[in-house]
Amino acid sequence: MTITGAVVLYAIVWFVTLFVVMPLRTRTQEEENHVVPGTPPGAPAHEELGRIAWITTLFATPVWALIVAVILSGWIGIADLDFFGRLNR
């Protein structure tokens, strides 16, 4: 795995984790009984992007490290993922 591949893999894992973490513990404007005119009632009342980014980083880094360890160790190779026998090896 190249450095560029590792960085791209980290970015993908980080953003997927972000979309999992973002809705957790988020209260809507409707739940807070304070809907700002012009916004939907389901919009977040208070968004703490810094906290969400740190939580995302704390979860994404070990997941990324596990994926990198699997790739580098060879536990799962490309031949293992060839379910239809399209790779002629």
PDB file of N, CA and C in Angstrom:
ATOM      1  N   MET A   1       0.855  -1.172   0.000  1.00  0.00           N
ATOM      2  CA  MET A   1       0.000   0.000   0.000  1.00  0.00           C
ATOM      3  C   MET A   1       0.894   1.226   0.000  1.00  0.00           C
ATOM      4  N   THR A   2       0.576   2.140  -0.886  1.00  0.00           N
ATOM      5  CA  THR A   2       1.359   3.370  -0.973  1.00  0.00           C
ATOM      6  C   THR A   2       0.854   4.376   0.055  1.00  0.00           C
ATOM      7  N   ILE A   3       1.633   5.420   0.246  1.00  0.00           N
ATOM      8  CA  ILE A   3       1.230   6.477   1.186  1.00  0.00           C
ATOM      9  C   ILE A   3      -0.048   7.149   0.683  1.00  0.00           C
ATOM     10  N   THR A   4      -0.112   7.381  -0.624  1.00  0.00           N
ATOM     11  CA  THR A   4      -1.308   7.998  -1.187  1.00  0.00           C
ATOM     12  C   THR A   4      -2.524   7.107  -0.968  1.00  0.00           C
ATOM     13  N   GLY A   5      -2.360   5.807  -1.164  1.00  0.00           N
ATOM     14  CA  GLY A   5      -3.459   4.869  -0.934  1.00  0.00           C
ATOM     15  C   GLY A   5      -3.907   4.875   0.516  1.00  0.00           C
ATOM     16  N   ALA A   6      -2.952   4.966   1.440  1.00  0.00           N
ATOM     17  CA  ALA A   6      -3.286   4.994   2.864  1.00  0.00           C
ATOM     18  C   ALA A   6      -4.049   6.268   3.228  1.00  0.00           C
ATOM     19  N   VAL A   7      -3.641   7.392   2.652  1.00  0.00           N
ATOM     20  CA  VAL A   7      -4.313   8.666   2.935  1.00  0.00           C
ATOM     21  C   VAL A   7      -5.727   8.661   2.359  1.00  0.00           C
ATOM     22  N   VAL A   8      -5.877   8.148   1.149  1.00  0.00           N
ATOM     23  CA  VAL A   8      -7.204   8.082   0.528  1.00  0.00           C
ATOM     24  C   VAL A   8      -8.100   7.137   1.326  1.00  0.00           C
ATOM     25  N   LEU A   9      -7.567   6.001   1.750  1.00  0.00           N
ATOM     26  CA  LEU A   9      -8.338   5.064   2.560  1.00  0.00           C
ATOM     27  C   LEU A   9      -8.759   5.713   3.878  1.00  0.00           C
ATOM     28  N   TYR A  10      -7.856   6.471   4.513  1.00  0.00           N
ATOM     29  CA  TYR A  10      -8.203   7.156   5.759  1.00  0.00           C
ATOM     30  C   TYR A  10      -9.316   8.174   5.527  1.00  0.00           C
ATOM     31  N   ALA A  11      -9.232   8.915   4.423  1.00  0.00           N
ATOM     32  CA  ALA A  11     -10.266   9.914   4.129  1.00  0.00           C
ATOM     33  C   ALA A  11     -11.621   9.244   3.930  1.00  0.00           C
ATOM     34  N   ILE A  12     -11.636   8.129   3.231  1.00  0.00           N
ATOM     35  CA  ILE A  12     -12.894   7.418   3.010  1.00  0.00           C
ATOM     36  C   ILE A  12     -13.460   6.907   4.331  1.00  0.00           C
ATOM     37  N   VAL A  13     -12.618   6.276   5.139  1.00  0.00           N
ATOM     38  CA  VAL A  13     -13.078   5.754   6.430  1.00  0.00           C
ATOM     39  C   VAL A  13     -13.543   6.897   7.324  1.00  0.00           C
ATOM     40  N   TRP A  14     -12.825   8.017   7.319  1.00  0.00           N
ATOM     41  CA  TRP A  14     -13.179   9.149   8.168  1.00  0.00           C
ATOM     42  C   TRP A  14     -14.543   9.717   7.786  1.00  0.00           C
ATOM     43  N   PHE A  15     -14.792   9.901   6.488  1.00  0.00           N
ATOM     44  CA  PHE A  15     -16.062  10.475   6.069  1.00  0.00           C
ATOM     45  C   PHE A  15     -17.226   9.517   6.281  1.00  0.00           C
ATOM     46  N   VAL A  16     -17.007   8.218   6.078  1.00  0.00           N
ATOM     47  CA  VAL A  16     -18.075   7.255   6.362  1.00  0.00           C
ATOM     48  C   VAL A  16     -18.393   7.284   7.855  1.00  0.00           C
ATOM     49  N   THR A  17     -17.364   7.334   8.686  1.00  0.00           N
ATOM     50  CA  THR A  17     -17.571   7.419  10.132  1.00  0.00           C
ATOM     51  C   THR A  17     -18.259   8.726  10.507  1.00  0.00           C
ATOM     52  N   LEU A  18     -17.914   9.809   9.836  1.00  0.00           N
ATOM     53  CA  LEU A  18     -18.554  11.105  10.098  1.00  0.00           C
ATOM     54  C   LEU A  18     -20.065  11.011   9.884  1.00  0.00           C
ATOM     55  N   PHE A  19     -20.472  10.362   8.786  1.00  0.00           N
ATOM     56  CA  PHE A  19     -21.902  10.264   8.508  1.00  0.00           C
ATOM     57  C   PHE A  19     -22.617   9.335   9.474  1.00  0.00           C
ATOM     58  N   VAL A  20     -21.880   8.469  10.155  1.00  0.00           N
ATOM     59  CA  VAL A  20     -22.478   7.635  11.198  1.00  0.00           C
ATOM     60  C   VAL A  20     -22.579   8.416  12.504  1.00  0.00           C
ATOM     61  N   VAL A  21     -21.555   9.193  12.821  1.00  0.00           N
ATOM     62  CA  VAL A  21     -21.488   9.908  14.103  1.00  0.00           C
ATOM     63  C   VAL A  21     -22.359  11.165  14.105  1.00  0.00           C
ATOM     64  N   MET A  22     -22.499  11.815  12.966  1.00  0.00           N
ATOM     65  CA  MET A  22     -23.163  13.120  12.918  1.00  0.00           C
ATOM     66  C   MET A  22     -24.578  13.136  13.525  1.00  0.00           C
ATOM     67  N   PRO A  23     -25.435  12.174  13.229  1.00  0.00           N
ATOM     68  CA  PRO A  23     -26.787  12.278  13.799  1.00  0.00           C
ATOM     69  C   PRO A  23     -26.894  11.853  15.262  1.00  0.00           C
ATOM     70  N   LEU A  24     -25.847  11.292  15.834  1.00  0.00           N
ATOM     71  CA  LEU A  24     -25.927  10.837  17.224  1.00  0.00           C
ATOM     72  C   LEU A  24     -26.002  12.027  18.181  1.00  0.00           C
ATOM     73  N   ARG A  25     -26.939  11.970  19.100  1.00  0.00           N
ATOM     74  CA  ARG A  25     -27.130  12.978  20.148  1.00  0.00           C
ATOM     75  C   ARG A  25     -27.370  14.379  19.593  1.00  0.00           C
ATOM     76  N   THR A  26     -27.921  14.463  18.384  1.00  0.00           N
ATOM     77  CA  THR A  26     -28.255  15.754  17.793  1.00  0.00           C
ATOM     78  C   THR A  26     -29.735  16.029  18.033  1.00  0.00           C
ATOM     79  N   ARG A  27     -30.023  17.148  18.632  1.00  0.00           N
ATOM     80  CA  ARG A  27     -31.417  17.534  18.901  1.00  0.00           C
ATOM     81  C   ARG A  27     -31.865  18.494  17.813  1.00  0.00           C
ATOM     82  N   THR A  28     -33.089  18.278  17.340  1.00  0.00           N
ATOM     83  CA  THR A  28     -33.625  19.127  16.281  1.00  0.00           C
ATOM     84  C   THR A  28     -34.227  20.401  16.872  1.00  0.00           C
ATOM     85  N   GLN A  29     -34.484  21.362  15.993  1.00  0.00           N
ATOM     86  CA  GLN A  29     -35.112  22.607  16.432  1.00  0.00           C
ATOM     87  C   GLN A  29     -36.515  22.342  16.953  1.00  0.00           C
ATOM     88  N   GLU A  30     -37.189  21.363  16.376  1.00  0.00           N
ATOM     89  CA  GLU A  30     -38.533  21.023  16.836  1.00  0.00           C
ATOM     90  C   GLU A  30     -38.494  20.433  18.252  1.00  0.00           C
ATOM     91  N   GLU A  31     -37.506  19.624  18.551  1.00  0.00           N
ATOM     92  CA  GLU A  31     -37.369  19.059  19.896  1.00  0.00           C
ATOM     93  C   GLU A  31     -37.036  20.133  20.922  1.00  0.00           C
ATOM     94  N   GLU A  32     -36.328  21.156  20.481  1.00  0.00           N
ATOM     95  CA  GLU A  32     -35.962  22.264  21.367  1.00  0.00           C
ATOM     96  C   GLU A  32     -37.062  23.316  21.463  1.00  0.00           C
ATOM     97  N   ASN A  33     -38.124  23.164  20.684  1.00  0.00           N
ATOM     98  CA  ASN A  33     -39.237  24.126  20.633  1.00  0.00           C
ATOM     99  C   ASN A  33     -38.774  25.530  20.248  1.00  0.00           C
ATOM    100  N   HIS A  34     -37.824  25.605  19.336  1.00  0.00           N
ATOM    101  CA  HIS A  34     -37.345  26.892  18.847  1.00  0.00           C
ATOM    102  C   HIS A  34     -36.967  26.727  17.380  1.00  0.00           C
ATOM    103  N   VAL A  35     -37.969  26.858  16.496  1.00  0.00           N
ATOM    104  CA  VAL A  35     -37.731  26.719  15.062  1.00  0.00           C
ATOM    105  C   VAL A  35     -37.443  28.096  14.489  1.00  0.00           C
ATOM    106  N   VAL A  36     -36.277  28.268  13.906  1.00  0.00           N
ATOM    107  CA  VAL A  36     -35.893  29.524  13.280  1.00  0.00           C
ATOM    108  C   VAL A  36     -36.688  29.670  11.980  1.00  0.00           C
ATOM    109  N   PRO A  37     -37.319  30.814  11.768  1.00  0.00           N
ATOM    110  CA  PRO A  37     -38.094  30.990  10.533  1.00  0.00           C
ATOM    111  C   PRO A  37     -37.223  30.780   9.295  1.00  0.00           C
ATOM    112  N   GLY A  38     -37.767  30.025   8.339  1.00  0.00           N
ATOM    113  CA  GLY A  38     -37.051  29.760   7.098  1.00  0.00           C
ATOM    114  C   GLY A  38     -36.238  28.479   7.118  1.00  0.00           C
ATOM    115  N   THR A  39     -36.228  27.784   8.242  1.00  0.00           N
ATOM    116  CA  THR A  39     -35.502  26.521   8.326  1.00  0.00           C
ATOM    117  C   THR A  39     -36.489  25.396   8.610  1.00  0.00           C
ATOM    118  N   PRO A  40     -36.156  24.180   8.214  1.00  0.00           N
ATOM    119  CA  PRO A  40     -37.057  23.068   8.498  1.00  0.00           C
ATOM    120  C   PRO A  40     -37.018  22.704   9.980  1.00  0.00           C
ATOM    121  N   PRO A  41     -38.105  22.175  10.522  1.00  0.00           N
ATOM    122  CA  PRO A  41     -38.131  21.820  11.944  1.00  0.00           C
ATOM    123  C   PRO A  41     -37.133  20.719  12.295  1.00  0.00           C
ATOM    124  N   GLY A  42     -36.718  19.920  11.318  1.00  0.00           N
ATOM    125  CA  GLY A  42     -35.770  18.836  11.590  1.00  0.00           C
ATOM    126  C   GLY A  42     -34.324  19.270  11.558  1.00  0.00           C
ATOM    127  N   ALA A  43     -34.065  20.548  11.344  1.00  0.00           N
ATOM    128  CA  ALA A  43     -32.690  21.041  11.322  1.00  0.00           C
ATOM    129  C   ALA A  43     -32.104  21.001  12.735  1.00  0.00           C
ATOM    130  N   PRO A  44     -30.796  20.776  12.857  1.00  0.00           N
ATOM    131  CA  PRO A  44     -30.187  20.737  14.186  1.00  0.00           C
ATOM    132  C   PRO A  44     -30.327  22.072  14.913  1.00  0.00           C
ATOM    133  N   ALA A  45     -30.587  21.997  16.211  1.00  0.00           N
ATOM    134  CA  ALA A  45     -30.716  23.214  17.012  1.00  0.00           C
ATOM    135  C   ALA A  45     -29.336  23.796  17.318  1.00  0.00           C
ATOM    136  N   HIS A  46     -28.430  22.949  17.743  1.00  0.00           N
ATOM    137  CA  HIS A  46     -27.062  23.370  18.065  1.00  0.00           C
ATOM    138  C   HIS A  46     -26.123  22.318  17.500  1.00  0.00           C
ATOM    139  N   GLU A  47     -25.289  22.711  16.572  1.00  0.00           N
ATOM    140  CA  GLU A  47     -24.361  21.752  15.980  1.00  0.00           C
ATOM    141  C   GLU A  47     -22.960  22.044  16.483  1.00  0.00           C
ATOM    142  N   GLU A  48     -22.326  21.038  16.980  1.00  0.00           N
ATOM    143  CA  GLU A  48     -20.973  21.168  17.505  1.00  0.00           C
ATOM    144  C   GLU A  48     -20.040  20.389  16.596  1.00  0.00           C
ATOM    145  N   LEU A  49     -19.606  21.020  15.508  1.00  0.00           N
ATOM    146  CA  LEU A  49     -18.800  20.328  14.516  1.00  0.00           C
ATOM    147  C   LEU A  49     -17.427  19.939  15.048  1.00  0.00           C
ATOM    148  N   GLY A  50     -16.863  20.732  15.931  1.00  0.00           N
ATOM    149  CA  GLY A  50     -15.561  20.389  16.506  1.00  0.00           C
ATOM    150  C   GLY A  50     -15.621  19.098  17.313  1.00  0.00           C
ATOM    151  N   ARG A  51     -16.645  18.969  18.135  1.00  0.00           N
ATOM    152  CA  ARG A  51     -16.816  17.750  18.943  1.00  0.00           C
ATOM    153  C   ARG A  51     -17.069  16.548  18.049  1.00  0.00           C
ATOM    154  N   ILE A  52     -17.885  16.737  17.027  1.00  0.00           N
ATOM    155  CA  ILE A  52     -18.195  15.644  16.109  1.00  0.00           C
ATOM    156  C   ILE A  52     -16.940  15.223  15.344  1.00  0.00           C
ATOM    157  N   ALA A  53     -16.113  16.174  14.953  1.00  0.00           N
ATOM    158  CA  ALA A  53     -14.879  15.848  14.232  1.00  0.00           C
ATOM    159  C   ALA A  53     -13.924  15.051  15.114  1.00  0.00           C
ATOM    160  N   TRP A  54     -13.802  15.416  16.385  1.00  0.00           N
ATOM    161  CA  TRP A  54     -12.916  14.670  17.290  1.00  0.00           C
ATOM    162  C   TRP A  54     -13.428  13.260  17.543  1.00  0.00           C
ATOM    163  N   ILE A  55     -14.727  13.124  17.741  1.00  0.00           N
ATOM    164  CA  ILE A  55     -15.307  11.792  17.957  1.00  0.00           C
ATOM    165  C   ILE A  55     -15.117  10.937  16.714  1.00  0.00           C
ATOM    166  N   THR A  56     -15.315  11.536  15.549  1.00  0.00           N
ATOM    167  CA  THR A  56     -15.121  10.822  14.288  1.00  0.00           C
ATOM    168  C   THR A  56     -13.676  10.352  14.157  1.00  0.00           C
ATOM    169  N   THR A  57     -12.733  11.211  14.490  1.00  0.00           N
ATOM    170  CA  THR A  57     -11.321  10.846  14.404  1.00  0.00           C
ATOM    171  C   THR A  57     -10.984   9.727  15.375  1.00  0.00           C
ATOM    172  N   LEU A  58     -11.547   9.776  16.581  1.00  0.00           N
ATOM    173  CA  LEU A  58     -11.270   8.735  17.572  1.00  0.00           C
ATOM    174  C   LEU A  58     -11.801   7.370  17.140  1.00  0.00           C
ATOM    175  N   PHE A  59     -12.913   7.337  16.416  1.00  0.00           N
ATOM    176  CA  PHE A  59     -13.458   6.069  15.939  1.00  0.00           C
ATOM    177  C   PHE A  59     -12.840   5.631  14.616  1.00  0.00           C
ATOM    178  N   ALA A  60     -12.546   6.582  13.730  1.00  0.00           N
ATOM    179  CA  ALA A  60     -12.062   6.247  12.393  1.00  0.00           C
ATOM    180  C   ALA A  60     -10.627   5.749  12.394  1.00  0.00           C
ATOM    181  N   THR A  61      -9.790   6.259  13.285  1.00  0.00           N
ATOM    182  CA  THR A  61      -8.381   5.883  13.271  1.00  0.00           C
ATOM    183  C   THR A  61      -8.162   4.400  13.575  1.00  0.00           C
ATOM    184  N   PRO A  62      -8.774   3.817  14.621  1.00  0.00           N
ATOM    185  CA  PRO A  62      -8.570   2.372  14.829  1.00  0.00           C
ATOM    186  C   PRO A  62      -9.188   1.514  13.723  1.00  0.00           C
ATOM    187  N   VAL A  63     -10.313   1.952  13.164  1.00  0.00           N
ATOM    188  CA  VAL A  63     -10.922   1.201  12.064  1.00  0.00           C
ATOM    189  C   VAL A  63      -9.989   1.210  10.862  1.00  0.00           C
ATOM    190  N   TRP A  64      -9.417   2.365  10.555  1.00  0.00           N
ATOM    191  CA  TRP A  64      -8.462   2.488   9.461  1.00  0.00           C
ATOM    192  C   TRP A  64      -7.234   1.625   9.720  1.00  0.00           C
ATOM    193  N   ALA A  65      -6.720   1.653  10.940  1.00  0.00           N
ATOM    194  CA  ALA A  65      -5.538   0.849  11.274  1.00  0.00           C
ATOM    195  C   ALA A  65      -5.819  -0.642  11.105  1.00  0.00           C
ATOM    196  N   LEU A  66      -7.007  -1.083  11.474  1.00  0.00           N
ATOM    197  CA  LEU A  66      -7.381  -2.485  11.307  1.00  0.00           C
ATOM    198  C   LEU A  66      -7.451  -2.853   9.823  1.00  0.00           C
ATOM    199  N   ILE A  67      -8.038  -1.991   9.018  1.00  0.00           N
ATOM    200  CA  ILE A  67      -8.121  -2.252   7.577  1.00  0.00           C
ATOM    201  C   ILE A  67      -6.726  -2.293   6.957  1.00  0.00           C
ATOM    202  N   VAL A  68      -5.863  -1.367   7.342  1.00  0.00           N
ATOM    203  CA  VAL A  68      -4.492  -1.345   6.824  1.00  0.00           C
ATOM    204  C   VAL A  68      -3.742  -2.608   7.250  1.00  0.00           C
ATOM    205  N   ALA A  69      -3.931  -3.043   8.498  1.00  0.00           N
ATOM    206  CA  ALA A  69      -3.271  -4.257   8.967  1.00  0.00           C
ATOM    207  C   ALA A  69      -3.727  -5.476   8.165  1.00  0.00           C
ATOM    208  N   VAL A  70      -4.999  -5.560   7.861  1.00  0.00           N
ATOM    209  CA  VAL A  70      -5.515  -6.678   7.059  1.00  0.00           C
ATOM    210  C   VAL A  70      -4.936  -6.638   5.653  1.00  0.00           C
ATOM    211  N   ILE A  71      -4.877  -5.451   5.062  1.00  0.00           N
ATOM    212  CA  ILE A  71      -4.349  -5.329   3.701  1.00  0.00           C
ATOM    213  C   ILE A  71      -2.865  -5.682   3.662  1.00  0.00           C
ATOM    214  N   LEU A  72      -2.093  -5.142   4.594  1.00  0.00           N
ATOM    215  CA  LEU A  72      -0.650  -5.369   4.581  1.00  0.00           C
ATOM    216  C   LEU A  72      -0.262  -6.792   4.974  1.00  0.00           C
ATOM    217  N   SER A  73      -1.060  -7.435   5.809  1.00  0.00           N
ATOM    218  CA  SER A  73      -0.719  -8.785   6.245  1.00  0.00           C
ATOM    219  C   SER A  73      -1.048  -9.834   5.186  1.00  0.00           C
ATOM    220  N   GLY A  74      -1.951  -9.504   4.289  1.00  0.00           N
ATOM    221  CA  GLY A  74      -2.324 -10.456   3.261  1.00  0.00           C
ATOM    222  C   GLY A  74      -3.385 -11.448   3.710  1.00  0.00           C
ATOM    223  N   TRP A  75      -4.035 -11.211   4.838  1.00  0.00           N
ATOM    224  CA  TRP A  75      -5.098 -12.101   5.309  1.00  0.00           C
ATOM    225  C   TRP A  75      -6.190 -12.233   4.266  1.00  0.00           C
ATOM    226  N   ILE A  76      -6.544 -11.118   3.658  1.00  0.00           N
ATOM    227  CA  ILE A  76      -7.543 -11.107   2.600  1.00  0.00           C
ATOM    228  C   ILE A  76      -6.887 -10.496   1.367  1.00  0.00           C
ATOM    229  N   GLY A  77      -6.783 -11.265   0.336  1.00  0.00           N
ATOM    230  CA  GLY A  77      -6.194 -10.787  -0.911  1.00  0.00           C
ATOM    231  C   GLY A  77      -7.268 -10.547  -1.953  1.00  0.00           C
ATOM    232  N   ILE A  78      -6.840 -10.051  -3.119  1.00  0.00           N
ATOM    233  CA  ILE A  78      -7.797  -9.774  -4.183  1.00  0.00           C
ATOM    234  C   ILE A  78      -8.405 -11.072  -4.702  1.00  0.00           C
ATOM    235  N   ALA A  79      -7.657 -12.158  -4.656  1.00  0.00           N
ATOM    236  CA  ALA A  79      -8.187 -13.451  -5.116  1.00  0.00           C
ATOM    237  C   ALA A  79      -9.303 -13.942  -4.197  1.00  0.00           C
ATOM    238  N   ASP A  80      -9.249 -13.596  -2.924  1.00  0.00           N
ATOM    239  CA  ASP A  80     -10.304 -13.982  -1.988  1.00  0.00           C
ATOM    240  C   ASP A  80     -11.615 -13.261  -2.278  1.00  0.00           C
ATOM    241  N   LEU A  81     -11.542 -12.117  -2.920  1.00  0.00           N
ATOM    242  CA  LEU A  81     -12.731 -11.325  -3.215  1.00  0.00           C
ATOM    243  C   LEU A  81     -13.282 -11.601  -4.614  1.00  0.00           C
ATOM    244  N   ASP A  82     -12.649 -12.524  -5.354  1.00  0.00           N
ATOM    245  CA  ASP A  82     -13.079 -12.869  -6.706  1.00  0.00           C
ATOM    246  C   ASP A  82     -14.144 -13.957  -6.626  1.00  0.00           C
ATOM    247  N   PHE A  83     -15.375 -13.556  -6.321  1.00  0.00           N
ATOM    248  CA  PHE A  83     -16.459 -14.507  -6.110  1.00  0.00           C
ATOM    249  C   PHE A  83     -16.948 -15.152  -7.402  1.00  0.00           C
ATOM    250  N   PHE A  84     -16.769 -14.484  -8.531  1.00  0.00           N
ATOM    251  CA  PHE A  84     -17.302 -14.981  -9.789  1.00  0.00           C
ATOM    252  C   PHE A  84     -16.223 -15.606 -10.678  1.00  0.00           C
ATOM    253  N   GLY A  85     -14.990 -15.699 -10.185  1.00  0.00           N
ATOM    254  CA  GLY A  85     -13.914 -16.319 -10.941  1.00  0.00           C
ATOM    255  C   GLY A  85     -13.504 -15.551 -12.178  1.00  0.00           C
ATOM    256  N   ARG A  86     -13.571 -14.242 -12.136  1.00  0.00           N
ATOM    257  CA  ARG A  86     -13.232 -13.420 -13.299  1.00  0.00           C
ATOM    258  C   ARG A  86     -11.752 -13.111 -13.386  1.00  0.00           C
ATOM    259  N   LEU A  87     -11.019 -13.309 -12.308  1.00  0.00           N
ATOM    260  CA  LEU A  87      -9.578 -13.106 -12.351  1.00  0.00           C
ATOM    261  C   LEU A  87      -8.914 -14.436 -12.680  1.00  0.00           C
ATOM    262  N   ASN A  88      -8.154 -14.463 -13.716  1.00  0.00           N
ATOM    263  CA  ASN A  88      -7.488 -15.700 -14.122  1.00  0.00           C
ATOM    264  C   ASN A  88      -6.110 -15.775 -13.508  1.00  0.00           C
ATOM    265  N   ARG A  89      -6.031 -16.342 -12.335  1.00  0.00           N
ATOM    266  CA  ARG A  89      -4.742 -16.464 -11.653  1.00  0.00           C
ATOM    267  C   ARG A  89      -4.382 -17.906 -11.526  1.00  0.00           C
TER     268      ARG A  89
END
